[in-house]
Amino acid sequence: MSPIRQLKEVFFLAKNPPKGPGRRGAVKGRSQFTGPGGHSVKRDASTGRILDMKADLKPFKGVRREK
């Protein structure tokens, strides 16, 4: 029996993630708006506290936008 075959029987090998979206639906409790310079800024919906700002000009994925 080959050494690789023995490893497969003893250890679980790493697998690729499933195909398709990693998230189902929107992120809850968060919103985003366009901040200075056109960067997206993420905000906590309940407290209004600013959590994060994107370095590029693309919006956050799955986070609702404020109007």
PDB file of N, CA and C in Angstrom:
ATOM      1  N   MET A   1       0.846  -1.182   0.000  1.00  0.00           N
ATOM      2  CA  MET A   1       0.000   0.000   0.000  1.00  0.00           C
ATOM      3  C   MET A   1       0.890   1.242   0.000  1.00  0.00           C
ATOM      4  N   SER A   2       0.536   2.236  -0.807  1.00  0.00           N
ATOM      5  CA  SER A   2       1.371   3.434  -0.913  1.00  0.00           C
ATOM      6  C   SER A   2       1.207   4.322   0.321  1.00  0.00           C
ATOM      7  N   PRO A   3       2.218   5.161   0.616  1.00  0.00           N
ATOM      8  CA  PRO A   3       2.132   6.045   1.791  1.00  0.00           C
ATOM      9  C   PRO A   3       0.971   7.036   1.711  1.00  0.00           C
ATOM     10  N   ILE A   4       0.655   7.511   0.500  1.00  0.00           N
ATOM     11  CA  ILE A   4      -0.445   8.466   0.360  1.00  0.00           C
ATOM     12  C   ILE A   4      -1.771   7.784   0.660  1.00  0.00           C
ATOM     13  N   ARG A   5      -1.920   6.571   0.220  1.00  0.00           N
ATOM     14  CA  ARG A   5      -3.148   5.810   0.479  1.00  0.00           C
ATOM     15  C   ARG A   5      -3.331   5.623   1.984  1.00  0.00           C
ATOM     16  N   GLN A   6      -2.233   5.349   2.690  1.00  0.00           N
ATOM     17  CA  GLN A   6      -2.314   5.185   4.138  1.00  0.00           C
ATOM     18  C   GLN A   6      -2.724   6.487   4.808  1.00  0.00           C
ATOM     19  N   LEU A   7      -2.216   7.640   4.325  1.00  0.00           N
ATOM     20  CA  LEU A   7      -2.578   8.938   4.903  1.00  0.00           C
ATOM     21  C   LEU A   7      -4.061   9.235   4.727  1.00  0.00           C
ATOM     22  N   LYS A   8      -4.615   8.880   3.588  1.00  0.00           N
ATOM     23  CA  LYS A   8      -6.032   9.130   3.343  1.00  0.00           C
ATOM     24  C   LYS A   8      -6.907   8.344   4.308  1.00  0.00           C
ATOM     25  N   GLU A   9      -6.462   7.191   4.689  1.00  0.00           N
ATOM     26  CA  GLU A   9      -7.255   6.377   5.593  1.00  0.00           C
ATOM     27  C   GLU A   9      -7.179   6.883   7.028  1.00  0.00           C
ATOM     28  N   VAL A  10      -6.079   7.521   7.389  1.00  0.00           N
ATOM     29  CA  VAL A  10      -5.879   7.957   8.770  1.00  0.00           C
ATOM     30  C   VAL A  10      -6.337   9.397   8.975  1.00  0.00           C
ATOM     31  N   PHE A  11      -5.993  10.309   8.056  1.00  0.00           N
ATOM     32  CA  PHE A  11      -6.283  11.722   8.214  1.00  0.00           C
ATOM     33  C   PHE A  11      -7.329  12.181   7.211  1.00  0.00           C
ATOM     34  N   PHE A  12      -8.064  13.215   7.573  1.00  0.00           N
ATOM     35  CA  PHE A  12      -8.963  13.854   6.629  1.00  0.00           C
ATOM     36  C   PHE A  12      -8.169  14.896   5.859  1.00  0.00           C
ATOM     37  N   LEU A  13      -8.161  14.809   4.554  1.00  0.00           N
ATOM     38  CA  LEU A  13      -7.416  15.750   3.742  1.00  0.00           C
ATOM     39  C   LEU A  13      -8.248  17.000   3.498  1.00  0.00           C
ATOM     40  N   ALA A  14      -7.582  18.100   3.227  1.00  0.00           N
ATOM     41  CA  ALA A  14      -8.264  19.366   2.982  1.00  0.00           C
ATOM     42  C   ALA A  14      -9.109  19.277   1.716  1.00  0.00           C
ATOM     43  N   LYS A  15     -10.241  19.969   1.733  1.00  0.00           N
ATOM     44  CA  LYS A  15     -11.137  19.971   0.584  1.00  0.00           C
ATOM     45  C   LYS A  15     -11.407  21.401   0.159  1.00  0.00           C
ATOM     46  N   ASN A  16     -11.786  21.569  -1.086  1.00  0.00           N
ATOM     47  CA  ASN A  16     -12.189  22.880  -1.565  1.00  0.00           C
ATOM     48  C   ASN A  16     -13.587  23.203  -1.035  1.00  0.00           C
ATOM     49  N   PRO A  17     -13.888  24.484  -0.833  1.00  0.00           N
ATOM     50  CA  PRO A  17     -15.222  24.830  -0.341  1.00  0.00           C
ATOM     51  C   PRO A  17     -16.285  24.516  -1.389  1.00  0.00           C
ATOM     52  N   PRO A  18     -17.539  24.438  -0.991  1.00  0.00           N
ATOM     53  CA  PRO A  18     -18.589  24.133  -1.958  1.00  0.00           C
ATOM     54  C   PRO A  18     -18.738  25.237  -2.994  1.00  0.00           C
ATOM     55  N   LYS A  19     -19.174  24.867  -4.171  1.00  0.00           N
ATOM     56  CA  LYS A  19     -19.374  25.850  -5.222  1.00  0.00           C
ATOM     57  C   LYS A  19     -20.622  26.675  -4.912  1.00  0.00           C
ATOM     58  N   GLY A  20     -20.631  27.920  -5.364  1.00  0.00           N
ATOM     59  CA  GLY A  20     -21.788  28.787  -5.140  1.00  0.00           C
ATOM     60  C   GLY A  20     -21.508  29.811  -4.067  1.00  0.00           C
ATOM     61  N   PRO A  21     -22.542  30.541  -3.659  1.00  0.00           N
ATOM     62  CA  PRO A  21     -22.346  31.622  -2.693  1.00  0.00           C
ATOM     63  C   PRO A  21     -21.965  31.090  -1.314  1.00  0.00           C
ATOM     64  N   GLY A  22     -21.075  31.789  -0.655  1.00  0.00           N
ATOM     65  CA  GLY A  22     -20.664  31.401   0.683  1.00  0.00           C
ATOM     66  C   GLY A  22     -21.641  31.884   1.734  1.00  0.00           C
ATOM     67  N   ARG A  23     -22.435  32.873   1.407  1.00  0.00           N
ATOM     68  CA  ARG A  23     -23.390  33.446   2.345  1.00  0.00           C
ATOM     69  C   ARG A  23     -24.783  33.338   1.728  1.00  0.00           C
ATOM     70  N   ARG A  24     -25.763  33.050   2.529  1.00  0.00           N
ATOM     71  CA  ARG A  24     -27.136  33.011   2.060  1.00  0.00           C
ATOM     72  C   ARG A  24     -27.868  34.222   2.621  1.00  0.00           C
ATOM     73  N   GLY A  25     -28.193  35.176   1.760  1.00  0.00           N
ATOM     74  CA  GLY A  25     -28.894  36.375   2.197  1.00  0.00           C
ATOM     75  C   GLY A  25     -27.938  37.458   2.655  1.00  0.00           C
ATOM     76  N   ALA A  26     -28.512  38.516   3.198  1.00  0.00           N
ATOM     77  CA  ALA A  26     -27.736  39.689   3.596  1.00  0.00           C
ATOM     78  C   ALA A  26     -27.126  39.506   4.987  1.00  0.00           C
ATOM     79  N   VAL A  27     -26.096  40.299   5.269  1.00  0.00           N
ATOM     80  CA  VAL A  27     -25.503  40.355   6.601  1.00  0.00           C
ATOM     81  C   VAL A  27     -26.462  41.148   7.478  1.00  0.00           C
ATOM     82  N   LYS A  28     -26.814  40.615   8.640  1.00  0.00           N
ATOM     83  CA  LYS A  28     -27.798  41.277   9.496  1.00  0.00           C
ATOM     84  C   LYS A  28     -27.113  42.223  10.474  1.00  0.00           C
ATOM     85  N   GLY A  29     -27.791  43.316  10.781  1.00  0.00           N
ATOM     86  CA  GLY A  29     -27.290  44.264  11.764  1.00  0.00           C
ATOM     87  C   GLY A  29     -26.196  45.180  11.248  1.00  0.00           C
ATOM     88  N   ARG A  30     -26.035  45.259   9.936  1.00  0.00           N
ATOM     89  CA  ARG A  30     -25.004  46.112   9.340  1.00  0.00           C
ATOM     90  C   ARG A  30     -25.603  46.898   8.190  1.00  0.00           C
ATOM     91  N   SER A  31     -25.056  48.066   7.926  1.00  0.00           N
ATOM     92  CA  SER A  31     -25.415  48.851   6.752  1.00  0.00           C
ATOM     93  C   SER A  31     -24.149  49.542   6.269  1.00  0.00           C
ATOM     94  N   GLN A  32     -24.198  50.045   5.047  1.00  0.00           N
ATOM     95  CA  GLN A  32     -23.029  50.730   4.506  1.00  0.00           C
ATOM     96  C   GLN A  32     -23.466  51.996   3.802  1.00  0.00           C
ATOM     97  N   PHE A  33     -22.551  52.944   3.767  1.00  0.00           N
ATOM     98  CA  PHE A  33     -22.776  54.194   3.052  1.00  0.00           C
ATOM     99  C   PHE A  33     -21.470  54.594   2.392  1.00  0.00           C
ATOM    100  N   THR A  34     -21.556  55.554   1.481  1.00  0.00           N
ATOM    101  CA  THR A  34     -20.370  56.031   0.790  1.00  0.00           C
ATOM    102  C   THR A  34     -19.739  57.140   1.613  1.00  0.00           C
ATOM    103  N   GLY A  35     -18.494  56.942   1.997  1.00  0.00           N
ATOM    104  CA  GLY A  35     -17.788  57.903   2.830  1.00  0.00           C
ATOM    105  C   GLY A  35     -16.923  58.828   2.004  1.00  0.00           C
ATOM    106  N   PRO A  36     -15.974  59.474   2.644  1.00  0.00           N
ATOM    107  CA  PRO A  36     -15.104  60.413   1.954  1.00  0.00           C
ATOM    108  C   PRO A  36     -14.273  59.728   0.873  1.00  0.00           C
ATOM    109  N   GLY A  37     -14.203  60.360  -0.265  1.00  0.00           N
ATOM    110  CA  GLY A  37     -13.406  59.823  -1.359  1.00  0.00           C
ATOM    111  C   GLY A  37     -14.081  58.683  -2.099  1.00  0.00           C
ATOM    112  N   GLY A  38     -15.356  58.407  -1.810  1.00  0.00           N
ATOM    113  CA  GLY A  38     -16.080  57.361  -2.502  1.00  0.00           C
ATOM    114  C   GLY A  38     -15.890  55.968  -1.929  1.00  0.00           C
ATOM    115  N   HIS A  39     -15.218  55.847  -0.787  1.00  0.00           N
ATOM    116  CA  HIS A  39     -15.001  54.543  -0.159  1.00  0.00           C
ATOM    117  C   HIS A  39     -16.245  54.125   0.611  1.00  0.00           C
ATOM    118  N   SER A  40     -16.550  52.821   0.612  1.00  0.00           N
ATOM    119  CA  SER A  40     -17.687  52.299   1.360  1.00  0.00           C
ATOM    120  C   SER A  40     -17.313  52.167   2.825  1.00  0.00           C
ATOM    121  N   VAL A  41     -18.224  52.593   3.694  1.00  0.00           N
ATOM    122  CA  VAL A  41     -18.014  52.536   5.138  1.00  0.00           C
ATOM    123  C   VAL A  41     -19.113  51.670   5.735  1.00  0.00           C
ATOM    124  N   LYS A  42     -18.733  50.691   6.576  1.00  0.00           N
ATOM    125  CA  LYS A  42     -19.697  49.789   7.197  1.00  0.00           C
ATOM    126  C   LYS A  42     -20.057  50.308   8.584  1.00  0.00           C
ATOM    127  N   ARG A  43     -21.377  50.274   8.896  1.00  0.00           N
ATOM    128  CA  ARG A  43     -21.862  50.812  10.166  1.00  0.00           C
ATOM    129  C   ARG A  43     -22.739  49.780  10.861  1.00  0.00           C
ATOM    130  N   ASP A  44     -22.673  49.731  12.194  1.00  0.00           N
ATOM    131  CA  ASP A  44     -23.555  48.876  12.979  1.00  0.00           C
ATOM    132  C   ASP A  44     -24.941  49.513  12.985  1.00  0.00           C
ATOM    133  N   ALA A  45     -25.962  48.749  12.654  1.00  0.00           N
ATOM    134  CA  ALA A  45     -27.303  49.307  12.498  1.00  0.00           C
ATOM    135  C   ALA A  45     -27.923  49.715  13.833  1.00  0.00           C
ATOM    136  N   SER A  46     -27.612  49.028  14.913  1.00  0.00           N
ATOM    137  CA  SER A  46     -28.252  49.337  16.193  1.00  0.00           C
ATOM    138  C   SER A  46     -27.581  50.507  16.922  1.00  0.00           C
ATOM    139  N   THR A  47     -26.256  50.571  16.904  1.00  0.00           N
ATOM    140  CA  THR A  47     -25.556  51.625  17.648  1.00  0.00           C
ATOM    141  C   THR A  47     -25.117  52.787  16.766  1.00  0.00           C
ATOM    142  N   GLY A  48     -25.008  52.569  15.450  1.00  0.00           N
ATOM    143  CA  GLY A  48     -24.532  53.607  14.548  1.00  0.00           C
ATOM    144  C   GLY A  48     -23.018  53.736  14.518  1.00  0.00           C
ATOM    145  N   ARG A  49     -22.334  52.851  15.224  1.00  0.00           N
ATOM    146  CA  ARG A  49     -20.876  52.888  15.298  1.00  0.00           C
ATOM    147  C   ARG A  49     -20.264  52.452  13.966  1.00  0.00           C
ATOM    148  N   ILE A  50     -19.243  53.155  13.506  1.00  0.00           N
ATOM    149  CA  ILE A  50     -18.558  52.815  12.267  1.00  0.00           C
ATOM    150  C   ILE A  50     -17.597  51.661  12.550  1.00  0.00           C
ATOM    151  N   LEU A  51     -17.705  50.612  11.731  1.00  0.00           N
ATOM    152  CA  LEU A  51     -16.935  49.395  11.965  1.00  0.00           C
ATOM    153  C   LEU A  51     -15.730  49.259  11.056  1.00  0.00           C
ATOM    154  N   ASP A  52     -15.891  49.615   9.772  1.00  0.00           N
ATOM    155  CA  ASP A  52     -14.834  49.322   8.816  1.00  0.00           C
ATOM    156  C   ASP A  52     -14.988  50.224   7.600  1.00  0.00           C
ATOM    157  N   MET A  53     -13.862  50.455   6.908  1.00  0.00           N
ATOM    158  CA  MET A  53     -13.891  51.213   5.664  1.00  0.00           C
ATOM    159  C   MET A  53     -13.062  50.461   4.637  1.00  0.00           C
ATOM    160  N   LYS A  54     -13.596  50.343   3.421  1.00  0.00           N
ATOM    161  CA  LYS A  54     -12.910  49.614   2.362  1.00  0.00           C
ATOM    162  C   LYS A  54     -11.756  50.442   1.809  1.00  0.00           C
ATOM    163  N   ALA A  55     -10.677  49.766   1.465  1.00  0.00           N
ATOM    164  CA  ALA A  55      -9.522  50.443   0.872  1.00  0.00           C
ATOM    165  C   ALA A  55      -9.774  50.746  -0.595  1.00  0.00           C
ATOM    166  N   ASP A  56     -10.505  49.844  -1.279  1.00  0.00           N
ATOM    167  CA  ASP A  56     -10.829  50.105  -2.686  1.00  0.00           C
ATOM    168  C   ASP A  56     -12.212  50.765  -2.772  1.00  0.00           C
ATOM    169  N   LEU A  57     -12.655  51.058  -3.964  1.00  0.00           N
ATOM    170  CA  LEU A  57     -13.915  51.776  -4.152  1.00  0.00           C
ATOM    171  C   LEU A  57     -15.118  50.854  -4.319  1.00  0.00           C
ATOM    172  N   LYS A  58     -14.924  49.550  -4.198  1.00  0.00           N
ATOM    173  CA  LYS A  58     -16.031  48.609  -4.330  1.00  0.00           C
ATOM    174  C   LYS A  58     -16.823  48.541  -3.026  1.00  0.00           C
ATOM    175  N   PRO A  59     -18.156  48.315  -3.098  1.00  0.00           N
ATOM    176  CA  PRO A  59     -18.952  48.194  -1.869  1.00  0.00           C
ATOM    177  C   PRO A  59     -18.736  46.845  -1.191  1.00  0.00           C
ATOM    178  N   PHE A  60     -19.122  46.765   0.092  1.00  0.00           N
ATOM    179  CA  PHE A  60     -19.068  45.498   0.827  1.00  0.00           C
ATOM    180  C   PHE A  60     -20.086  44.552   0.219  1.00  0.00           C
ATOM    181  N   LYS A  61     -19.776  43.253   0.217  1.00  0.00           N
ATOM    182  CA  LYS A  61     -20.700  42.251  -0.313  1.00  0.00           C
ATOM    183  C   LYS A  61     -21.705  41.858   0.759  1.00  0.00           C
ATOM    184  N   GLY A  62     -22.973  41.824   0.383  1.00  0.00           N
ATOM    185  CA  GLY A  62     -24.014  41.318   1.273  1.00  0.00           C
ATOM    186  C   GLY A  62     -24.451  42.271   2.357  1.00  0.00           C
ATOM    187  N   VAL A  63     -23.951  43.506   2.373  1.00  0.00           N
ATOM    188  CA  VAL A  63     -24.331  44.486   3.386  1.00  0.00           C
ATOM    189  C   VAL A  63     -25.252  45.502   2.732  1.00  0.00           C
ATOM    190  N   ARG A  64     -26.417  45.756   3.372  1.00  0.00           N
ATOM    191  CA  ARG A  64     -27.377  46.666   2.753  1.00  0.00           C
ATOM    192  C   ARG A  64     -26.837  48.080   2.745  1.00  0.00           C
ATOM    193  N   ARG A  65     -27.333  48.856   1.776  1.00  0.00           N
ATOM    194  CA  ARG A  65     -26.865  50.228   1.597  1.00  0.00           C
ATOM    195  C   ARG A  65     -27.843  51.207   2.214  1.00  0.00           C
ATOM    196  N   GLU A  66     -27.312  52.226   2.858  1.00  0.00           N
ATOM    197  CA  GLU A  66     -28.155  53.287   3.398  1.00  0.00           C
ATOM    198  C   GLU A  66     -28.547  54.237   2.274  1.00  0.00           C
ATOM    199  N   LYS A  67     -29.712  54.840   2.412  1.00  0.00           N
ATOM    200  CA  LYS A  67     -30.164  55.792   1.391  1.00  0.00           C
ATOM    201  C   LYS A  67     -29.987  57.221   1.867  1.00  0.00           C
TER     202      LYS A  67
END
